[in-house]
Amino acid sequence: MIIRILLISFVTTFLSTSENLILAKIGKKEILLEVANTQALRADGLMGVKALEYNQGMIFIWPNASRKCMWMKNTLIDLSVAFIDRDRKISEIKELQSKSLESICSSEGNVIAAVEMNKGWFKENNIKLGAKVLLP
């Protein structure tokens, strides 16, 4: 209960700086995600961000399902990315190296979203392939 109160407090404080946040759930973990749902927001992603809170990340949402690629240009922190399929389940989890210009792509073509979290977050929280992503 205390964690939930602290999270709500954090969300309230953080909302004053960004209106594009959602509280989502992967497995049993609640996470705060900044939403990148336009071409400009997806292009910038987490570039320039120096740190993320433990249960904080970014969700990239595309209008059409297809094979998706991510890159880390000007991204200062290592990340893990979970590709989300049409059923809102995790289809792949990959590691992303900061400042890399290499494209990291989903192997499947039915990706509608991707969630980026601190490197290792999915493993540390026992989030596996097939885990359901609940969005508001």
Protein backbone atom coordinates (compact mmCIF):
# COMPACT_ATOMS: atom_id res chain seq x y z
CA MET A 1 0.00 0.00 0.00
CA ILE A 2 2.82 2.40 0.86
CA ILE A 3 4.47 1.72 -2.49
CA ARG A 4 1.20 2.52 -4.28
CA ILE A 5 0.86 5.81 -2.35
CA LEU A 6 4.45 6.72 -3.17
CA LEU A 7 3.88 5.86 -6.83
CA ILE A 8 0.74 8.01 -6.97
CA SER A 9 2.67 10.83 -5.31
CA PHE A 10 5.48 10.43 -7.84
CA VAL A 11 3.00 10.39 -10.73
CA THR A 12 1.32 13.55 -9.45
CA THR A 13 4.67 15.31 -9.12
CA PHE A 14 5.90 14.04 -12.49
CA LEU A 15 2.69 15.04 -14.27
CA SER A 16 3.54 18.66 -13.68
CA THR A 17 6.42 18.23 -16.14
CA SER A 18 4.81 15.86 -18.64
CA GLU A 19 1.20 15.35 -19.66
CA ASN A 20 2.01 12.29 -21.75
CA LEU A 21 2.27 9.64 -19.00
CA ILE A 22 0.31 6.49 -18.28
CA LEU A 23 0.28 3.98 -15.46
CA ALA A 24 0.53 0.51 -17.03
CA LYS A 25 0.96 -3.02 -15.74
CA ILE A 26 3.17 -5.84 -17.00
CA GLY A 27 2.57 -9.06 -15.15
CA LYS A 28 2.13 -7.93 -11.54
CA LYS A 29 4.35 -4.85 -11.87
CA GLU A 30 2.91 -1.35 -12.16
CA ILE A 31 5.06 0.97 -14.24
CA LEU A 32 4.96 4.62 -15.22
CA LEU A 33 5.43 5.09 -18.96
CA GLU A 34 5.96 8.18 -21.04
CA VAL A 35 3.99 7.73 -24.26
CA ALA A 36 5.68 8.18 -27.65
CA ASN A 37 2.75 7.96 -30.06
CA THR A 38 3.77 10.41 -32.78
CA GLN A 39 6.61 10.22 -35.29
CA ALA A 40 8.44 13.09 -33.56
CA LEU A 41 8.12 11.56 -30.07
CA ARG A 42 9.15 8.12 -31.34
CA ALA A 43 12.18 9.62 -33.12
CA ASP A 44 13.39 11.37 -29.95
CA GLY A 45 12.55 8.53 -27.58
CA LEU A 46 14.72 8.67 -24.48
CA MET A 47 17.52 10.65 -26.14
CA GLY A 48 19.33 12.82 -23.62
CA VAL A 49 17.73 11.16 -20.57
CA LYS A 50 20.44 10.60 -17.94
CA ALA A 51 18.51 8.23 -15.67
CA LEU A 52 15.15 6.52 -15.24
CA GLU A 53 13.44 5.68 -11.97
CA TYR A 54 13.31 1.91 -11.42
CA ASN A 55 9.68 1.36 -12.56
CA GLN A 56 9.70 4.13 -15.15
CA GLY A 57 10.14 3.85 -18.91
CA MET A 58 8.73 4.75 -22.30
CA ILE A 59 6.15 3.09 -24.51
CA PHE A 60 6.36 3.53 -28.28
CA ILE A 61 2.98 3.08 -29.97
CA TRP A 62 2.52 2.73 -33.73
CA PRO A 63 -0.74 3.00 -35.69
CA ASN A 64 -0.09 -0.22 -37.65
CA ALA A 65 1.33 -3.60 -36.74
CA SER A 66 4.61 -4.41 -38.49
CA ARG A 67 8.25 -5.27 -37.87
CA LYS A 68 9.74 -2.48 -35.72
CA CYS A 69 13.31 -1.29 -35.20
CA MET A 70 14.85 0.73 -32.38
CA TRP A 71 18.16 2.54 -32.14
CA MET A 72 20.02 4.32 -29.38
CA LYS A 73 21.50 7.42 -31.03
CA ASN A 74 22.09 10.06 -28.33
CA THR A 75 20.57 7.78 -25.69
CA LEU A 76 22.79 7.97 -22.63
CA ILE A 77 21.63 4.88 -20.70
CA ASP A 78 21.51 1.17 -21.52
CA LEU A 79 17.97 -0.13 -21.90
CA SER A 80 15.94 -3.28 -22.39
CA VAL A 81 13.10 -3.25 -24.89
CA ALA A 82 10.04 -5.48 -24.96
CA PHE A 83 8.23 -5.70 -28.29
CA ILE A 84 4.45 -5.94 -27.84
CA ASP A 85 2.20 -7.80 -30.32
CA ARG A 86 -1.42 -7.22 -31.37
CA ASP A 87 -2.63 -9.27 -28.41
CA ARG A 88 -0.74 -6.88 -26.10
CA LYS A 89 1.67 -9.63 -25.12
CA ILE A 90 5.45 -9.45 -25.04
CA SER A 91 6.78 -11.23 -28.13
CA GLU A 92 10.50 -10.41 -27.65
CA ILE A 93 12.86 -8.78 -25.18
CA LYS A 94 16.17 -7.35 -26.36
CA GLU A 95 19.03 -5.38 -24.81
CA LEU A 96 19.97 -1.95 -26.15
CA GLN A 97 23.44 -0.39 -25.78
CA SER A 98 23.63 3.35 -25.13
CA LYS A 99 24.77 5.55 -28.04
CA SER A 100 24.68 2.63 -30.50
CA LEU A 101 23.73 3.39 -34.10
CA GLU A 102 22.86 -0.27 -34.75
CA SER A 103 19.17 -0.94 -35.42
CA ILE A 104 17.65 -3.57 -33.15
CA CYS A 105 14.56 -4.99 -34.84
CA SER A 106 11.72 -7.26 -33.87
CA SER A 107 11.82 -10.58 -35.66
CA GLU A 108 8.04 -10.65 -36.05
CA GLY A 109 5.85 -8.36 -38.09
CA ASN A 110 2.91 -7.96 -35.74
CA VAL A 111 4.41 -5.43 -33.31
CA ILE A 112 2.16 -2.54 -32.26
CA ALA A 113 4.23 -1.17 -29.37
CA ALA A 114 7.55 -1.38 -27.58
CA VAL A 115 8.35 -0.70 -23.93
CA GLU A 116 11.82 0.54 -22.98
CA MET A 117 12.96 0.16 -19.37
CA ASN A 118 16.32 0.26 -17.58
CA LYS A 119 18.62 -2.51 -18.80
CA GLY A 120 17.79 -5.79 -17.08
CA TRP A 121 14.43 -4.61 -15.69
CA PHE A 122 12.39 -7.36 -17.38
CA LYS A 123 14.76 -10.10 -16.18
CA GLU A 124 14.97 -8.68 -12.64
CA ASN A 125 11.17 -8.64 -12.43
CA ASN A 126 10.75 -12.12 -13.94
CA ILE A 127 8.82 -10.71 -16.91
CA LYS A 128 8.82 -13.37 -19.61
CA LEU A 129 7.71 -13.70 -23.23
CA GLY A 130 3.92 -13.88 -23.40
CA ALA A 131 3.40 -11.56 -20.42
CA LYS A 132 0.31 -9.38 -20.88
CA VAL A 133 0.75 -5.60 -21.03
CA LEU A 134 -2.23 -3.79 -19.53
CA LEU A 135 -2.69 -0.20 -20.69
CA PRO A 136 -5.35 2.31 -19.61
